Amino acid sequence: MRSSNLCLMKIKRLLHMRVIAKPIFWVMKYMFCMQMTNMIIGHNDGINGSIGLRVPHHIKQKKCSEYMRCGKPIHLPQRTIDTAYSIVAQYQTEYRGIVQYYKMAYNLHTLSYLKYVMEVSLVKTLASKYKTTCRKIYRSAIRIVVVL
């Protein structure tokens, strides 16, 4: 009887500690994994009680929306004035800056959609600059390796 009360108290305490704090752009989330068997046995294996940092969803949406219109990636006409090298360098610098800022997040893999959007926007911007198709830009990029 005594051990079951302690277990219930432990579970209630963990449920109350489930807090979300939002400093600057990070979201610190108290990760909570319901592992009833571990609670009853008394093992603290798993992620119970650890703090995790993650990339906020609204930041991903905001960054993607800069390169999209109507849900599709678009070209950025203000960048067509520059050389191809500086256009690629701008996109790379922006993407790397975002990834470096959220480097310690446990859901960093969610930025892969941002990478896709920026890559398509880059190709469309280059195609607009040279007045050609995106397919031809992709074909020429095989010879010139462009890494975001």
N, C-alpha and C. Protein backbone atom coordinates (compact mmCIF):
# COMPACT_ATOMS: atom_id res chain seq x y z
N MET A 1 0.82 -1.20 0.00
CA MET A 1 0.00 0.00 0.00
C MET A 1 0.86 1.26 0.00
N ARG A 2 1.89 1.25 0.83
CA ARG A 2 2.76 2.42 0.95
C ARG A 2 3.50 2.69 -0.36
N SER A 3 4.01 1.64 -1.01
CA SER A 3 4.77 1.82 -2.26
C SER A 3 3.87 2.32 -3.39
N SER A 4 2.61 1.89 -3.43
CA SER A 4 1.70 2.36 -4.49
C SER A 4 1.38 3.84 -4.30
N ASN A 5 1.26 4.31 -3.05
CA ASN A 5 1.03 5.73 -2.80
C ASN A 5 2.22 6.56 -3.24
N LEU A 6 3.44 6.05 -2.96
CA LEU A 6 4.65 6.74 -3.38
C LEU A 6 4.73 6.82 -4.89
N CYS A 7 4.34 5.73 -5.55
CA CYS A 7 4.36 5.70 -7.02
C CYS A 7 3.37 6.71 -7.59
N LEU A 8 2.16 6.80 -7.01
CA LEU A 8 1.17 7.77 -7.48
C LEU A 8 1.64 9.19 -7.24
N MET A 9 2.30 9.43 -6.10
CA MET A 9 2.83 10.76 -5.81
C MET A 9 3.91 11.14 -6.82
N LYS A 10 4.74 10.14 -7.15
CA LYS A 10 5.81 10.37 -8.13
C LYS A 10 5.21 10.75 -9.50
N ILE A 11 4.17 10.04 -9.90
CA ILE A 11 3.53 10.30 -11.20
C ILE A 11 2.88 11.68 -11.20
N LYS A 12 2.18 12.03 -10.10
CA LYS A 12 1.54 13.35 -10.02
C LYS A 12 2.58 14.46 -10.08
N ARG A 13 3.69 14.27 -9.36
CA ARG A 13 4.75 15.28 -9.36
C ARG A 13 5.31 15.47 -10.77
N LEU A 14 5.54 14.36 -11.49
CA LEU A 14 6.07 14.45 -12.85
C LEU A 14 5.08 15.10 -13.80
N LEU A 15 3.78 14.84 -13.60
CA LEU A 15 2.77 15.47 -14.45
C LEU A 15 2.72 16.97 -14.23
N HIS A 16 2.89 17.41 -12.98
CA HIS A 16 2.87 18.84 -12.68
C HIS A 16 4.14 19.54 -13.16
N MET A 17 5.23 18.81 -13.30
CA MET A 17 6.51 19.41 -13.71
C MET A 17 6.60 19.59 -15.22
N ARG A 18 5.63 19.14 -15.95
CA ARG A 18 5.66 19.21 -17.41
C ARG A 18 5.45 20.66 -17.84
N VAL A 19 6.53 21.37 -18.04
CA VAL A 19 6.49 22.82 -18.25
C VAL A 19 7.09 23.16 -19.61
N ILE A 20 6.54 24.18 -20.25
CA ILE A 20 7.12 24.69 -21.49
C ILE A 20 7.53 26.14 -21.24
N ALA A 21 8.81 26.44 -21.41
CA ALA A 21 9.31 27.80 -21.26
C ALA A 21 9.82 28.26 -22.61
N LYS A 22 9.64 29.54 -22.96
CA LYS A 22 10.06 30.04 -24.26
C LYS A 22 11.03 31.20 -24.12
N PRO A 23 12.31 30.95 -23.88
CA PRO A 23 13.27 32.04 -23.95
C PRO A 23 13.57 32.33 -25.41
N ILE A 24 14.11 33.46 -25.70
CA ILE A 24 14.36 34.04 -27.02
C ILE A 24 13.70 33.25 -28.16
N PHE A 25 14.39 32.33 -28.78
CA PHE A 25 13.77 31.54 -29.85
C PHE A 25 13.80 30.05 -29.55
N TRP A 26 14.36 29.69 -28.44
CA TRP A 26 14.43 28.28 -28.07
C TRP A 26 13.14 27.89 -27.37
N VAL A 27 12.81 26.66 -27.45
CA VAL A 27 11.72 26.13 -26.66
C VAL A 27 12.32 25.03 -25.81
N MET A 28 12.35 25.29 -24.52
CA MET A 28 12.85 24.25 -23.61
C MET A 28 11.63 23.48 -23.14
N LYS A 29 11.65 22.22 -23.38
CA LYS A 29 10.50 21.41 -23.05
C LYS A 29 10.93 20.32 -22.08
N TYR A 30 10.20 20.19 -21.03
CA TYR A 30 10.47 19.11 -20.10
C TYR A 30 9.91 17.84 -20.73
N MET A 31 10.82 17.00 -21.23
CA MET A 31 10.38 15.80 -21.93
C MET A 31 9.85 14.79 -20.92
N PHE A 32 8.72 14.25 -21.24
CA PHE A 32 8.09 13.32 -20.32
C PHE A 32 7.64 12.09 -21.08
N CYS A 33 8.08 10.98 -20.64
CA CYS A 33 7.73 9.72 -21.30
C CYS A 33 7.01 8.84 -20.28
N MET A 34 5.77 8.53 -20.54
CA MET A 34 5.03 7.70 -19.59
C MET A 34 5.49 6.26 -19.71
N GLN A 35 6.28 5.86 -18.74
CA GLN A 35 6.73 4.47 -18.69
C GLN A 35 6.27 3.93 -17.34
N MET A 36 5.05 3.50 -17.29
CA MET A 36 4.45 3.08 -16.02
C MET A 36 5.22 1.94 -15.39
N THR A 37 5.74 1.03 -16.19
CA THR A 37 6.46 -0.10 -15.62
C THR A 37 7.73 0.38 -14.90
N ASN A 38 8.43 1.33 -15.50
CA ASN A 38 9.63 1.86 -14.86
C ASN A 38 9.28 2.62 -13.59
N MET A 39 8.15 3.32 -13.58
CA MET A 39 7.74 4.06 -12.39
C MET A 39 7.44 3.10 -11.25
N ILE A 40 6.72 2.03 -11.56
CA ILE A 40 6.32 1.09 -10.53
C ILE A 40 7.53 0.36 -9.98
N ILE A 41 8.43 -0.06 -10.88
CA ILE A 41 9.62 -0.80 -10.45
C ILE A 41 10.60 0.13 -9.74
N GLY A 42 10.61 1.39 -10.14
CA GLY A 42 11.52 2.35 -9.51
C GLY A 42 12.74 2.67 -10.35
N HIS A 43 12.79 2.16 -11.58
CA HIS A 43 13.91 2.49 -12.47
C HIS A 43 13.65 3.83 -13.13
N ASN A 44 14.68 4.60 -13.31
CA ASN A 44 14.53 5.89 -13.98
C ASN A 44 15.24 5.85 -15.33
N ASP A 45 15.02 4.81 -16.08
CA ASP A 45 15.59 4.70 -17.42
C ASP A 45 14.75 5.53 -18.38
N GLY A 46 15.31 5.87 -19.51
CA GLY A 46 14.58 6.61 -20.52
C GLY A 46 14.80 8.10 -20.38
N ILE A 47 13.85 8.88 -20.92
CA ILE A 47 14.06 10.32 -20.97
C ILE A 47 13.31 11.05 -19.87
N ASN A 48 12.74 10.34 -18.91
CA ASN A 48 12.01 11.01 -17.84
C ASN A 48 12.94 11.93 -17.06
N GLY A 49 12.53 13.16 -16.89
CA GLY A 49 13.28 14.08 -16.05
C GLY A 49 14.39 14.82 -16.74
N SER A 50 14.51 14.73 -18.05
CA SER A 50 15.59 15.44 -18.74
C SER A 50 15.01 16.63 -19.49
N ILE A 51 15.83 17.65 -19.65
CA ILE A 51 15.41 18.87 -20.35
C ILE A 51 15.84 18.76 -21.80
N GLY A 52 14.98 19.13 -22.72
CA GLY A 52 15.31 19.07 -24.14
C GLY A 52 15.12 20.41 -24.80
N LEU A 53 15.94 20.71 -25.77
CA LEU A 53 15.82 21.93 -26.56
C LEU A 53 15.33 21.55 -27.95
N ARG A 54 14.39 22.31 -28.46
CA ARG A 54 13.87 21.98 -29.79
C ARG A 54 13.68 23.24 -30.62
N VAL A 55 13.59 23.05 -31.93
CA VAL A 55 13.35 24.15 -32.85
C VAL A 55 11.85 24.45 -32.82
N PRO A 56 11.45 25.69 -32.51
CA PRO A 56 10.02 26.01 -32.47
C PRO A 56 9.38 25.92 -33.86
N HIS A 57 8.14 25.46 -33.88
CA HIS A 57 7.44 25.28 -35.16
C HIS A 57 7.19 26.61 -35.86
N HIS A 58 6.89 27.65 -35.08
CA HIS A 58 6.59 28.95 -35.71
C HIS A 58 7.83 29.56 -36.35
N ILE A 59 9.01 29.23 -35.88
CA ILE A 59 10.24 29.72 -36.50
C ILE A 59 10.44 29.04 -37.86
N LYS A 60 10.19 27.73 -37.91
CA LYS A 60 10.31 27.01 -39.19
C LYS A 60 9.32 27.57 -40.21
N GLN A 61 8.09 27.81 -39.77
CA GLN A 61 7.09 28.36 -40.68
C GLN A 61 7.47 29.76 -41.16
N LYS A 62 7.99 30.58 -40.26
CA LYS A 62 8.36 31.95 -40.62
C LYS A 62 9.50 31.95 -41.63
N LYS A 63 10.51 31.11 -41.40
CA LYS A 63 11.64 31.06 -42.32
C LYS A 63 11.22 30.50 -43.68
N CYS A 64 10.37 29.49 -43.68
CA CYS A 64 9.90 28.93 -44.95
C CYS A 64 9.04 29.93 -45.71
N SER A 65 8.25 30.71 -45.00
CA SER A 65 7.35 31.66 -45.67
C SER A 65 8.13 32.77 -46.38
N GLU A 66 9.37 33.03 -45.97
CA GLU A 66 10.19 34.03 -46.66
C GLU A 66 10.53 33.60 -48.08
N TYR A 67 10.53 32.30 -48.33
CA TYR A 67 10.91 31.75 -49.63
C TYR A 67 9.73 31.13 -50.35
N MET A 68 8.50 31.37 -49.85
CA MET A 68 7.32 30.74 -50.44
C MET A 68 6.22 31.75 -50.73
N ARG A 69 5.38 31.38 -51.67
CA ARG A 69 4.15 32.12 -51.95
C ARG A 69 3.10 31.08 -52.31
N CYS A 70 1.95 31.16 -51.68
CA CYS A 70 0.84 30.21 -51.92
C CYS A 70 1.27 28.76 -51.68
N GLY A 71 2.15 28.55 -50.72
CA GLY A 71 2.57 27.20 -50.38
C GLY A 71 3.62 26.59 -51.28
N LYS A 72 4.18 27.37 -52.21
CA LYS A 72 5.20 26.86 -53.12
C LYS A 72 6.44 27.73 -53.04
N PRO A 73 7.63 27.11 -53.18
CA PRO A 73 8.86 27.92 -53.20
C PRO A 73 8.89 28.84 -54.43
N ILE A 74 9.40 30.06 -54.24
CA ILE A 74 9.44 31.05 -55.32
C ILE A 74 10.86 31.54 -55.52
N HIS A 75 11.10 32.21 -56.64
CA HIS A 75 12.39 32.85 -56.86
C HIS A 75 12.38 34.21 -56.17
N LEU A 76 13.55 34.69 -55.82
CA LEU A 76 13.66 35.99 -55.17
C LEU A 76 14.25 36.97 -56.18
N PRO A 77 13.42 37.81 -56.79
CA PRO A 77 13.90 38.69 -57.86
C PRO A 77 14.95 39.70 -57.41
N GLN A 78 14.95 40.07 -56.13
CA GLN A 78 15.95 41.04 -55.67
C GLN A 78 17.36 40.45 -55.64
N ARG A 79 17.47 39.14 -55.71
CA ARG A 79 18.79 38.51 -55.70
C ARG A 79 19.33 38.24 -57.10
N THR A 80 18.54 38.42 -58.13
CA THR A 80 19.01 38.12 -59.48
C THR A 80 20.04 39.13 -59.97
N ILE A 81 20.19 40.23 -59.28
CA ILE A 81 21.16 41.26 -59.67
C ILE A 81 22.59 40.77 -59.42
N ASP A 82 22.77 39.98 -58.36
CA ASP A 82 24.10 39.50 -57.97
C ASP A 82 24.60 38.41 -58.91
N THR A 83 25.87 38.05 -58.72
CA THR A 83 26.44 36.94 -59.49
C THR A 83 25.90 35.62 -58.93
N ALA A 84 26.05 34.56 -59.71
CA ALA A 84 25.56 33.24 -59.27
C ALA A 84 26.27 32.80 -57.99
N TYR A 85 27.57 33.08 -57.92
CA TYR A 85 28.33 32.70 -56.74
C TYR A 85 27.80 33.39 -55.49
N SER A 86 27.51 34.67 -55.57
CA SER A 86 27.03 35.39 -54.38
C SER A 86 25.59 34.98 -54.02
N ILE A 87 24.79 34.61 -55.02
CA ILE A 87 23.44 34.12 -54.73
C ILE A 87 23.52 32.83 -53.93
N VAL A 88 24.34 31.89 -54.40
CA VAL A 88 24.51 30.62 -53.70
C VAL A 88 25.08 30.86 -52.30
N ALA A 89 26.06 31.76 -52.20
CA ALA A 89 26.67 32.06 -50.90
C ALA A 89 25.65 32.65 -49.92
N GLN A 90 24.75 33.49 -50.41
CA GLN A 90 23.72 34.07 -49.54
C GLN A 90 22.79 32.99 -48.98
N TYR A 91 22.33 32.10 -49.87
CA TYR A 91 21.46 31.03 -49.42
C TYR A 91 22.17 30.12 -48.42
N GLN A 92 23.42 29.76 -48.73
CA GLN A 92 24.18 28.90 -47.83
C GLN A 92 24.37 29.55 -46.47
N THR A 93 24.72 30.83 -46.46
CA THR A 93 24.97 31.54 -45.22
C THR A 93 23.71 31.59 -44.36
N GLU A 94 22.58 31.86 -44.98
CA GLU A 94 21.32 31.93 -44.23
C GLU A 94 20.96 30.57 -43.64
N TYR A 95 21.07 29.52 -44.46
CA TYR A 95 20.72 28.18 -43.96
C TYR A 95 21.68 27.73 -42.86
N ARG A 96 22.95 27.91 -43.08
CA ARG A 96 23.93 27.49 -42.06
C ARG A 96 23.77 28.26 -40.77
N GLY A 97 23.42 29.54 -40.86
CA GLY A 97 23.20 30.33 -39.66
C GLY A 97 22.05 29.79 -38.82
N ILE A 98 20.97 29.41 -39.48
CA ILE A 98 19.81 28.85 -38.77
C ILE A 98 20.18 27.51 -38.13
N VAL A 99 20.85 26.66 -38.91
CA VAL A 99 21.22 25.34 -38.38
C VAL A 99 22.22 25.47 -37.23
N GLN A 100 23.17 26.37 -37.33
CA GLN A 100 24.13 26.56 -36.25
C GLN A 100 23.45 27.08 -34.98
N TYR A 101 22.47 27.95 -35.14
CA TYR A 101 21.77 28.49 -33.97
C TYR A 101 21.02 27.40 -33.22
N TYR A 102 20.38 26.49 -33.96
CA TYR A 102 19.60 25.42 -33.34
C TYR A 102 20.36 24.11 -33.31
N LYS A 103 21.65 24.15 -33.29
CA LYS A 103 22.51 22.97 -33.39
C LYS A 103 22.24 21.93 -32.30
N MET A 104 21.91 22.38 -31.10
CA MET A 104 21.74 21.45 -29.98
C MET A 104 20.31 20.95 -29.82
N ALA A 105 19.43 21.32 -30.72
CA ALA A 105 18.03 20.89 -30.62
C ALA A 105 17.91 19.41 -30.95
N TYR A 106 17.01 18.73 -30.24
CA TYR A 106 16.84 17.31 -30.49
C TYR A 106 15.97 17.04 -31.72
N ASN A 107 15.28 18.06 -32.24
CA ASN A 107 14.48 17.87 -33.44
C ASN A 107 15.05 18.68 -34.62
N LEU A 108 16.36 18.73 -34.70
CA LEU A 108 17.02 19.47 -35.78
C LEU A 108 16.66 18.92 -37.16
N HIS A 109 16.30 17.65 -37.21
CA HIS A 109 15.95 17.03 -38.49
C HIS A 109 14.72 17.68 -39.13
N THR A 110 13.93 18.40 -38.35
CA THR A 110 12.74 19.05 -38.92
C THR A 110 13.10 20.22 -39.82
N LEU A 111 14.35 20.66 -39.79
CA LEU A 111 14.78 21.73 -40.69
C LEU A 111 15.03 21.22 -42.11
N SER A 112 14.84 19.93 -42.35
CA SER A 112 15.04 19.40 -43.69
C SER A 112 14.04 20.00 -44.68
N TYR A 113 12.84 20.31 -44.21
CA TYR A 113 11.85 20.94 -45.09
C TYR A 113 12.30 22.35 -45.47
N LEU A 114 12.88 23.07 -44.52
CA LEU A 114 13.43 24.39 -44.81
C LEU A 114 14.55 24.28 -45.84
N LYS A 115 15.37 23.25 -45.73
CA LYS A 115 16.46 23.04 -46.69
C LYS A 115 15.88 22.81 -48.09
N TYR A 116 14.83 22.00 -48.18
CA TYR A 116 14.19 21.74 -49.46
C TYR A 116 13.63 23.03 -50.07
N VAL A 117 12.93 23.81 -49.25
CA VAL A 117 12.32 25.06 -49.73
C VAL A 117 13.40 26.03 -50.21
N MET A 118 14.47 26.15 -49.44
CA MET A 118 15.55 27.07 -49.83
C MET A 118 16.27 26.59 -51.08
N GLU A 119 16.44 25.28 -51.22
CA GLU A 119 17.10 24.73 -52.40
C GLU A 119 16.29 25.01 -53.66
N VAL A 120 14.98 24.77 -53.60
CA VAL A 120 14.12 25.02 -54.76
C VAL A 120 14.08 26.52 -55.07
N SER A 121 14.02 27.34 -54.04
CA SER A 121 14.04 28.78 -54.25
C SER A 121 15.34 29.23 -54.90
N LEU A 122 16.45 28.64 -54.46
CA LEU A 122 17.76 28.95 -55.06
C LEU A 122 17.78 28.59 -56.54
N VAL A 123 17.30 27.40 -56.87
CA VAL A 123 17.29 26.96 -58.27
C VAL A 123 16.38 27.85 -59.11
N LYS A 124 15.23 28.22 -58.56
CA LYS A 124 14.32 29.10 -59.30
C LYS A 124 14.92 30.49 -59.48
N THR A 125 15.65 30.97 -58.48
CA THR A 125 16.30 32.28 -58.59
C THR A 125 17.38 32.25 -59.66
N LEU A 126 18.18 31.18 -59.69
CA LEU A 126 19.22 31.06 -60.72
C LEU A 126 18.60 30.90 -62.11
N ALA A 127 17.51 30.14 -62.19
CA ALA A 127 16.83 29.97 -63.48
C ALA A 127 16.26 31.30 -63.96
N SER A 128 15.75 32.09 -63.05
CA SER A 128 15.23 33.41 -63.41
C SER A 128 16.35 34.34 -63.86
N LYS A 129 17.48 34.25 -63.21
CA LYS A 129 18.63 35.10 -63.56
C LYS A 129 19.11 34.80 -64.98
N TYR A 130 19.25 33.52 -65.29
CA TYR A 130 19.77 33.12 -66.60
C TYR A 130 18.68 32.88 -67.63
N LYS A 131 17.42 33.14 -67.27
CA LYS A 131 16.27 32.98 -68.16
C LYS A 131 16.25 31.58 -68.81
N THR A 132 16.30 30.59 -67.96
CA THR A 132 16.28 29.19 -68.38
C THR A 132 15.36 28.41 -67.45
N THR A 133 15.31 27.10 -67.60
CA THR A 133 14.42 26.29 -66.77
C THR A 133 15.16 25.75 -65.55
N CYS A 134 14.38 25.35 -64.58
CA CYS A 134 14.96 24.77 -63.36
C CYS A 134 15.66 23.44 -63.67
N ARG A 135 15.10 22.72 -64.62
CA ARG A 135 15.69 21.43 -64.98
C ARG A 135 17.12 21.61 -65.51
N LYS A 136 17.34 22.63 -66.33
CA LYS A 136 18.68 22.88 -66.86
C LYS A 136 19.64 23.31 -65.75
N ILE A 137 19.13 24.05 -64.78
CA ILE A 137 19.96 24.46 -63.64
C ILE A 137 20.37 23.24 -62.83
N TYR A 138 19.41 22.34 -62.58
CA TYR A 138 19.73 21.10 -61.85
C TYR A 138 20.77 20.27 -62.61
N ARG A 139 20.64 20.19 -63.93
CA ARG A 139 21.60 19.43 -64.73
C ARG A 139 22.99 20.03 -64.68
N SER A 140 23.07 21.35 -64.73
CA SER A 140 24.39 21.99 -64.67
C SER A 140 24.96 21.93 -63.26
N ALA A 141 24.10 21.78 -62.25
CA ALA A 141 24.57 21.70 -60.87
C ALA A 141 25.26 20.37 -60.59
N ILE A 142 25.07 19.38 -61.47
CA ILE A 142 25.78 18.12 -61.31
C ILE A 142 27.28 18.36 -61.48
N ARG A 143 27.62 19.22 -62.44
CA ARG A 143 29.03 19.54 -62.67
C ARG A 143 29.58 20.46 -61.58
N ILE A 144 28.77 21.39 -61.17
CA ILE A 144 29.17 22.34 -60.11
C ILE A 144 28.39 21.95 -58.86
N VAL A 145 29.07 21.38 -57.88
CA VAL A 145 28.41 20.88 -56.69
C VAL A 145 27.97 22.05 -55.82
N VAL A 146 26.66 22.13 -55.59
CA VAL A 146 26.10 23.17 -54.75
C VAL A 146 25.61 22.49 -53.48
N VAL A 147 26.20 22.82 -52.35
CA VAL A 147 25.83 22.21 -51.08
C VAL A 147 25.23 23.28 -50.19
N LEU A 148 24.00 23.03 -49.75
CA LEU A 148 23.37 23.96 -48.80
C LEU A 148 23.77 23.59 -47.41
